[in-house]
């Protein structure tokens, strides 16, 4: 897939967030984590294994401080 063909910004595994009509769902854990997941880079999201994902996520989180 080329850069011009992409429908979304960021990585290719974005999660769509549903609309909330009540505050209970708006502040739930899954709803809050969608923005965090969508903000990750393509390199982190497409890691080959869980261990590599964790390593890349830790490097990203602790080097940006």
PDB file of N, CA and C in Angstrom:
ATOM      1  N   UNK A   1       0.840  -1.169   0.000  1.00  0.00           N
ATOM      2  CA  UNK A   1       0.000   0.000   0.000  1.00  0.00           C
ATOM      3  C   UNK A   1       0.893   1.243   0.000  1.00  0.00           C
ATOM      4  N   UNK A   2       0.630   2.152  -0.888  1.00  0.00           N
ATOM      5  CA  UNK A   2       1.411   3.375  -0.966  1.00  0.00           C
ATOM      6  C   UNK A   2       0.832   4.435  -0.052  1.00  0.00           C
ATOM      7  N   UNK A   3       1.625   5.442   0.237  1.00  0.00           N
ATOM      8  CA  UNK A   3       1.198   6.499   1.150  1.00  0.00           C
ATOM      9  C   UNK A   3      -0.062   7.208   0.649  1.00  0.00           C
ATOM     10  N   UNK A   4      -0.208   7.401  -0.653  1.00  0.00           N
ATOM     11  CA  UNK A   4      -1.370   8.098  -1.193  1.00  0.00           C
ATOM     12  C   UNK A   4      -2.667   7.316  -1.083  1.00  0.00           C
ATOM     13  N   UNK A   5      -2.581   6.003  -0.931  1.00  0.00           N
ATOM     14  CA  UNK A   5      -3.763   5.143  -0.874  1.00  0.00           C
ATOM     15  C   UNK A   5      -4.367   5.036   0.516  1.00  0.00           C
ATOM     16  N   UNK A   6      -3.713   5.550   1.526  1.00  0.00           N
ATOM     17  CA  UNK A   6      -4.176   5.378   2.905  1.00  0.00           C
ATOM     18  C   UNK A   6      -5.417   6.219   3.173  1.00  0.00           C
ATOM     19  N   UNK A   7      -6.351   5.649   3.913  1.00  0.00           N
ATOM     20  CA  UNK A   7      -7.571   6.338   4.279  1.00  0.00           C
ATOM     21  C   UNK A   7      -7.451   7.048   5.619  1.00  0.00           C
ATOM     22  N   UNK A   8      -6.531   6.587   6.473  1.00  0.00           N
ATOM     23  CA  UNK A   8      -6.375   7.186   7.794  1.00  0.00           C
ATOM     24  C   UNK A   8      -4.932   7.630   7.993  1.00  0.00           C
ATOM     25  N   UNK A   9      -4.735   8.516   8.931  1.00  0.00           N
ATOM     26  CA  UNK A   9      -3.386   8.924   9.294  1.00  0.00           C
ATOM     27  C   UNK A   9      -2.840   7.946  10.307  1.00  0.00           C
ATOM     28  N   UNK A  10      -1.520   7.872  10.402  1.00  0.00           N
ATOM     29  CA  UNK A  10      -0.926   6.987  11.390  1.00  0.00           C
ATOM     30  C   UNK A  10      -0.807   5.572  10.874  1.00  0.00           C
ATOM     31  N   UNK A  11      -1.013   4.605  11.747  1.00  0.00           N
ATOM     32  CA  UNK A  11      -0.829   3.203  11.368  1.00  0.00           C
ATOM     33  C   UNK A  11      -2.083   2.610  10.738  1.00  0.00           C
ATOM     34  N   UNK A  12      -1.927   1.400  10.204  1.00  0.00           N
ATOM     35  CA  UNK A  12      -3.000   0.743   9.441  1.00  0.00           C
ATOM     36  C   UNK A  12      -3.969  -0.045  10.305  1.00  0.00           C
ATOM     37  N   UNK A  13      -3.759  -0.124  11.604  1.00  0.00           N
ATOM     38  CA  UNK A  13      -4.610  -0.923  12.482  1.00  0.00           C
ATOM     39  C   UNK A  13      -5.391  -0.042  13.456  1.00  0.00           C
ATOM     40  N   UNK A  14      -5.955   1.027  12.940  1.00  0.00           N
ATOM     41  CA  UNK A  14      -6.720   1.963  13.766  1.00  0.00           C
ATOM     42  C   UNK A  14      -8.010   1.315  14.258  1.00  0.00           C
ATOM     43  N   UNK A  15      -8.472   1.752  15.410  1.00  0.00           N
ATOM     44  CA  UNK A  15      -9.738   1.290  15.978  1.00  0.00           C
ATOM     45  C   UNK A  15     -10.723   2.445  15.922  1.00  0.00           C
ATOM     46  N   UNK A  16     -11.906   2.169  15.446  1.00  0.00           N
ATOM     47  CA  UNK A  16     -12.951   3.197  15.398  1.00  0.00           C
ATOM     48  C   UNK A  16     -13.595   3.306  16.768  1.00  0.00           C
ATOM     49  N   UNK A  17     -13.827   4.523  17.199  1.00  0.00           N
ATOM     50  CA  UNK A  17     -14.444   4.763  18.501  1.00  0.00           C
ATOM     51  C   UNK A  17     -15.940   5.019  18.283  1.00  0.00           C
ATOM     52  N   UNK A  18     -16.772   4.298  19.014  1.00  0.00           N
ATOM     53  CA  UNK A  18     -18.213   4.493  18.883  1.00  0.00           C
ATOM     54  C   UNK A  18     -18.648   5.736  19.653  1.00  0.00           C
ATOM     55  N   UNK A  19     -19.761   6.298  19.240  1.00  0.00           N
ATOM     56  CA  UNK A  19     -20.275   7.470  19.939  1.00  0.00           C
ATOM     57  C   UNK A  19     -20.876   7.064  21.275  1.00  0.00           C
ATOM     58  N   UNK A  20     -20.707   7.928  22.261  1.00  0.00           N
ATOM     59  CA  UNK A  20     -21.211   7.642  23.596  1.00  0.00           C
ATOM     60  C   UNK A  20     -22.367   8.589  23.908  1.00  0.00           C
ATOM     61  N   UNK A  21     -23.413   8.022  24.433  1.00  0.00           N
ATOM     62  CA  UNK A  21     -24.557   8.835  24.821  1.00  0.00           C
ATOM     63  C   UNK A  21     -24.649   8.981  26.330  1.00  0.00           C
ATOM     64  N   UNK A  22     -23.830   8.225  27.039  1.00  0.00           N
ATOM     65  CA  UNK A  22     -23.819   8.292  28.498  1.00  0.00           C
ATOM     66  C   UNK A  22     -22.386   8.380  28.990  1.00  0.00           C
ATOM     67  N   UNK A  23     -22.197   9.027  30.126  1.00  0.00           N
ATOM     68  CA  UNK A  23     -20.856   9.179  30.679  1.00  0.00           C
ATOM     69  C   UNK A  23     -20.250   7.867  31.136  1.00  0.00           C
ATOM     70  N   UNK A  24     -21.071   6.885  31.472  1.00  0.00           N
ATOM     71  CA  UNK A  24     -20.552   5.600  31.945  1.00  0.00           C
ATOM     72  C   UNK A  24     -19.672   4.971  30.874  1.00  0.00           C
ATOM     73  N   UNK A  25     -20.124   4.946  29.649  1.00  0.00           N
ATOM     74  CA  UNK A  25     -19.336   4.351  28.573  1.00  0.00           C
ATOM     75  C   UNK A  25     -18.184   5.266  28.167  1.00  0.00           C
ATOM     76  N   UNK A  26     -18.374   6.549  28.202  1.00  0.00           N
ATOM     77  CA  UNK A  26     -17.356   7.504  27.773  1.00  0.00           C
ATOM     78  C   UNK A  26     -16.077   7.395  28.594  1.00  0.00           C
ATOM     79  N   UNK A  27     -16.202   7.102  29.875  1.00  0.00           N
ATOM     80  CA  UNK A  27     -15.043   7.021  30.749  1.00  0.00           C
ATOM     81  C   UNK A  27     -14.615   5.586  31.044  1.00  0.00           C
ATOM     82  N   UNK A  28     -15.094   4.632  30.275  1.00  0.00           N
ATOM     83  CA  UNK A  28     -14.713   3.236  30.479  1.00  0.00           C
ATOM     84  C   UNK A  28     -13.298   2.985  29.949  1.00  0.00           C
ATOM     85  N   UNK A  29     -12.670   1.922  30.429  1.00  0.00           N
ATOM     86  CA  UNK A  29     -11.293   1.613  30.039  1.00  0.00           C
ATOM     87  C   UNK A  29     -11.128   1.420  28.528  1.00  0.00           C
ATOM     88  N   UNK A  30     -11.943   0.592  27.866  1.00  0.00           N
ATOM     89  CA  UNK A  30     -11.743   0.401  26.421  1.00  0.00           C
ATOM     90  C   UNK A  30     -11.892   1.696  25.631  1.00  0.00           C
ATOM     91  N   UNK A  31     -12.830   2.525  26.015  1.00  0.00           N
ATOM     92  CA  UNK A  31     -13.061   3.768  25.288  1.00  0.00           C
ATOM     93  C   UNK A  31     -11.891   4.740  25.455  1.00  0.00           C
ATOM     94  N   UNK A  32     -11.283   4.770  26.633  1.00  0.00           N
ATOM     95  CA  UNK A  32     -10.142   5.660  26.875  1.00  0.00           C
ATOM     96  C   UNK A  32      -8.890   5.185  26.160  1.00  0.00           C
ATOM     97  N   UNK A  33      -8.718   3.873  25.993  1.00  0.00           N
ATOM     98  CA  UNK A  33      -7.489   3.346  25.417  1.00  0.00           C
ATOM     99  C   UNK A  33      -7.464   3.405  23.896  1.00  0.00           C
ATOM    100  N   UNK A  34      -8.586   3.645  23.248  1.00  0.00           N
ATOM    101  CA  UNK A  34      -8.614   3.742  21.789  1.00  0.00           C
ATOM    102  C   UNK A  34      -7.707   4.875  21.316  1.00  0.00           C
ATOM    103  N   UNK A  35      -7.750   6.032  21.944  1.00  0.00           N
ATOM    104  CA  UNK A  35      -6.902   7.157  21.543  1.00  0.00           C
ATOM    105  C   UNK A  35      -5.419   6.831  21.721  1.00  0.00           C
ATOM    106  N   UNK A  36      -5.091   6.136  22.793  1.00  0.00           N
ATOM    107  CA  UNK A  36      -3.699   5.759  23.039  1.00  0.00           C
ATOM    108  C   UNK A  36      -3.224   4.788  21.953  1.00  0.00           C
ATOM    109  N   UNK A  37      -4.039   3.777  21.639  1.00  0.00           N
ATOM    110  CA  UNK A  37      -3.687   2.798  20.602  1.00  0.00           C
ATOM    111  C   UNK A  37      -3.541   3.487  19.249  1.00  0.00           C
ATOM    112  N   UNK A  38      -4.457   4.355  18.893  1.00  0.00           N
ATOM    113  CA  UNK A  38      -4.406   5.033  17.607  1.00  0.00           C
ATOM    114  C   UNK A  38      -3.226   5.994  17.511  1.00  0.00           C
ATOM    115  N   UNK A  39      -2.671   6.415  18.628  1.00  0.00           N
ATOM    116  CA  UNK A  39      -1.538   7.319  18.628  1.00  0.00           C
ATOM    117  C   UNK A  39      -0.189   6.633  18.501  1.00  0.00           C
ATOM    118  N   UNK A  40      -0.162   5.306  18.552  1.00  0.00           N
ATOM    119  CA  UNK A  40       1.101   4.580  18.428  1.00  0.00           C
ATOM    120  C   UNK A  40       1.601   4.614  16.987  1.00  0.00           C
ATOM    121  N   UNK A  41       2.902   4.438  16.821  1.00  0.00           N
ATOM    122  CA  UNK A  41       3.495   4.449  15.481  1.00  0.00           C
ATOM    123  C   UNK A  41       3.285   3.092  14.794  1.00  0.00           C
ATOM    124  N   UNK A  42       3.450   3.098  13.486  1.00  0.00           N
ATOM    125  CA  UNK A  42       3.307   1.882  12.675  1.00  0.00           C
ATOM    126  C   UNK A  42       4.318   0.818  13.106  1.00  0.00           C
ATOM    127  N   UNK A  43       5.515   1.231  13.434  1.00  0.00           N
ATOM    128  CA  UNK A  43       6.569   0.300  13.837  1.00  0.00           C
ATOM    129  C   UNK A  43       6.187  -0.470  15.095  1.00  0.00           C
ATOM    130  N   UNK A  44       5.581   0.185  16.054  1.00  0.00           N
ATOM    131  CA  UNK A  44       5.189  -0.470  17.304  1.00  0.00           C
ATOM    132  C   UNK A  44       4.017  -1.416  17.068  1.00  0.00           C
ATOM    133  N   UNK A  45       3.025  -0.964  16.349  1.00  0.00           N
ATOM    134  CA  UNK A  45       1.798  -1.742  16.150  1.00  0.00           C
ATOM    135  C   UNK A  45       2.053  -3.003  15.327  1.00  0.00           C
ATOM    136  N   UNK A  46       2.975  -2.946  14.391  1.00  0.00           N
ATOM    137  CA  UNK A  46       3.212  -4.095  13.516  1.00  0.00           C
ATOM    138  C   UNK A  46       4.403  -4.941  13.971  1.00  0.00           C
ATOM    139  N   UNK A  47       4.693  -4.946  15.252  1.00  0.00           N
ATOM    140  CA  UNK A  47       5.784  -5.769  15.790  1.00  0.00           C
ATOM    141  C   UNK A  47       5.485  -7.249  15.548  1.00  0.00           C
ATOM    142  N   UNK A  48       6.547  -8.030  15.371  1.00  0.00           N
ATOM    143  CA  UNK A  48       6.395  -9.452  15.023  1.00  0.00           C
ATOM    144  C   UNK A  48       5.910 -10.312  16.181  1.00  0.00           C
ATOM    145  N   UNK A  49       6.211  -9.917  17.418  1.00  0.00           N
ATOM    146  CA  UNK A  49       5.813 -10.726  18.570  1.00  0.00           C
ATOM    147  C   UNK A  49       5.415  -9.806  19.722  1.00  0.00           C
ATOM    148  N   UNK A  50       4.835 -10.394  20.729  1.00  0.00           N
ATOM    149  CA  UNK A  50       4.416  -9.631  21.908  1.00  0.00           C
ATOM    150  C   UNK A  50       5.632  -9.053  22.619  1.00  0.00           C
ATOM    151  N   UNK A  51       6.709  -9.819  22.683  1.00  0.00           N
ATOM    152  CA  UNK A  51       7.915  -9.354  23.360  1.00  0.00           C
ATOM    153  C   UNK A  51       8.523  -8.148  22.639  1.00  0.00           C
ATOM    154  N   UNK A  52       8.558  -8.196  21.305  1.00  0.00           N
ATOM    155  CA  UNK A  52       9.084  -7.066  20.536  1.00  0.00           C
ATOM    156  C   UNK A  52       8.160  -5.859  20.662  1.00  0.00           C
ATOM    157  N   UNK A  53       6.845  -6.105  20.708  1.00  0.00           N
ATOM    158  CA  UNK A  53       5.883  -5.017  20.901  1.00  0.00           C
ATOM    159  C   UNK A  53       6.142  -4.320  22.233  1.00  0.00           C
ATOM    160  N   UNK A  54       6.318  -5.106  23.295  1.00  0.00           N
ATOM    161  CA  UNK A  54       6.569  -4.530  24.618  1.00  0.00           C
ATOM    162  C   UNK A  54       7.876  -3.753  24.659  1.00  0.00           C
ATOM    163  N   UNK A  55       8.921  -4.293  24.039  1.00  0.00           N
ATOM    164  CA  UNK A  55      10.207  -3.604  24.014  1.00  0.00           C
ATOM    165  C   UNK A  55      10.104  -2.261  23.284  1.00  0.00           C
ATOM    166  N   UNK A  56       9.461  -2.268  22.120  1.00  0.00           N
ATOM    167  CA  UNK A  56       9.315  -1.034  21.347  1.00  0.00           C
ATOM    168  C   UNK A  56       8.432  -0.028  22.067  1.00  0.00           C
ATOM    169  N   UNK A  57       7.397  -0.517  22.730  1.00  0.00           N
ATOM    170  CA  UNK A  57       6.511   0.373  23.476  1.00  0.00           C
ATOM    171  C   UNK A  57       7.248   1.001  24.651  1.00  0.00           C
ATOM    172  N   UNK A  58       8.030   0.217  25.364  1.00  0.00           N
ATOM    173  CA  UNK A  58       8.819   0.755  26.479  1.00  0.00           C
ATOM    174  C   UNK A  58       9.826   1.795  26.006  1.00  0.00           C
ATOM    175  N   UNK A  59      10.512   1.522  24.895  1.00  0.00           N
ATOM    176  CA  UNK A  59      11.477   2.478  24.358  1.00  0.00           C
ATOM    177  C   UNK A  59      10.788   3.781  23.967  1.00  0.00           C
ATOM    178  N   UNK A  60       9.630   3.675  23.380  1.00  0.00           N
ATOM    179  CA  UNK A  60       8.876   4.866  22.979  1.00  0.00           C
ATOM    180  C   UNK A  60       8.402   5.651  24.204  1.00  0.00           C
ATOM    181  N   UNK A  61       7.891   4.967  25.191  1.00  0.00           N
ATOM    182  CA  UNK A  61       7.352   5.639  26.382  1.00  0.00           C
ATOM    183  C   UNK A  61       8.429   6.290  27.218  1.00  0.00           C
ATOM    184  N   UNK A  62       9.585   5.654  27.350  1.00  0.00           N
ATOM    185  CA  UNK A  62      10.602   6.163  28.261  1.00  0.00           C
ATOM    186  C   UNK A  62      11.627   7.069  27.599  1.00  0.00           C
ATOM    187  N   UNK A  63      11.662   7.137  26.283  1.00  0.00           N
ATOM    188  CA  UNK A  63      12.589   8.046  25.611  1.00  0.00           C
ATOM    189  C   UNK A  63      11.949   9.392  25.292  1.00  0.00           C
ATOM    190  N   UNK A  64      10.619   9.470  25.322  1.00  0.00           N
ATOM    191  CA  UNK A  64       9.942  10.726  24.986  1.00  0.00           C
ATOM    192  C   UNK A  64       9.743  11.618  26.190  1.00  0.00           C
ATOM    193  N   UNK A  65      10.151  11.184  27.373  1.00  0.00           N
ATOM    194  CA  UNK A  65       9.970  12.006  28.576  1.00  0.00           C
ATOM    195  C   UNK A  65      10.979  13.098  28.670  1.00  0.00           C
TER     196      UNK A  65
END
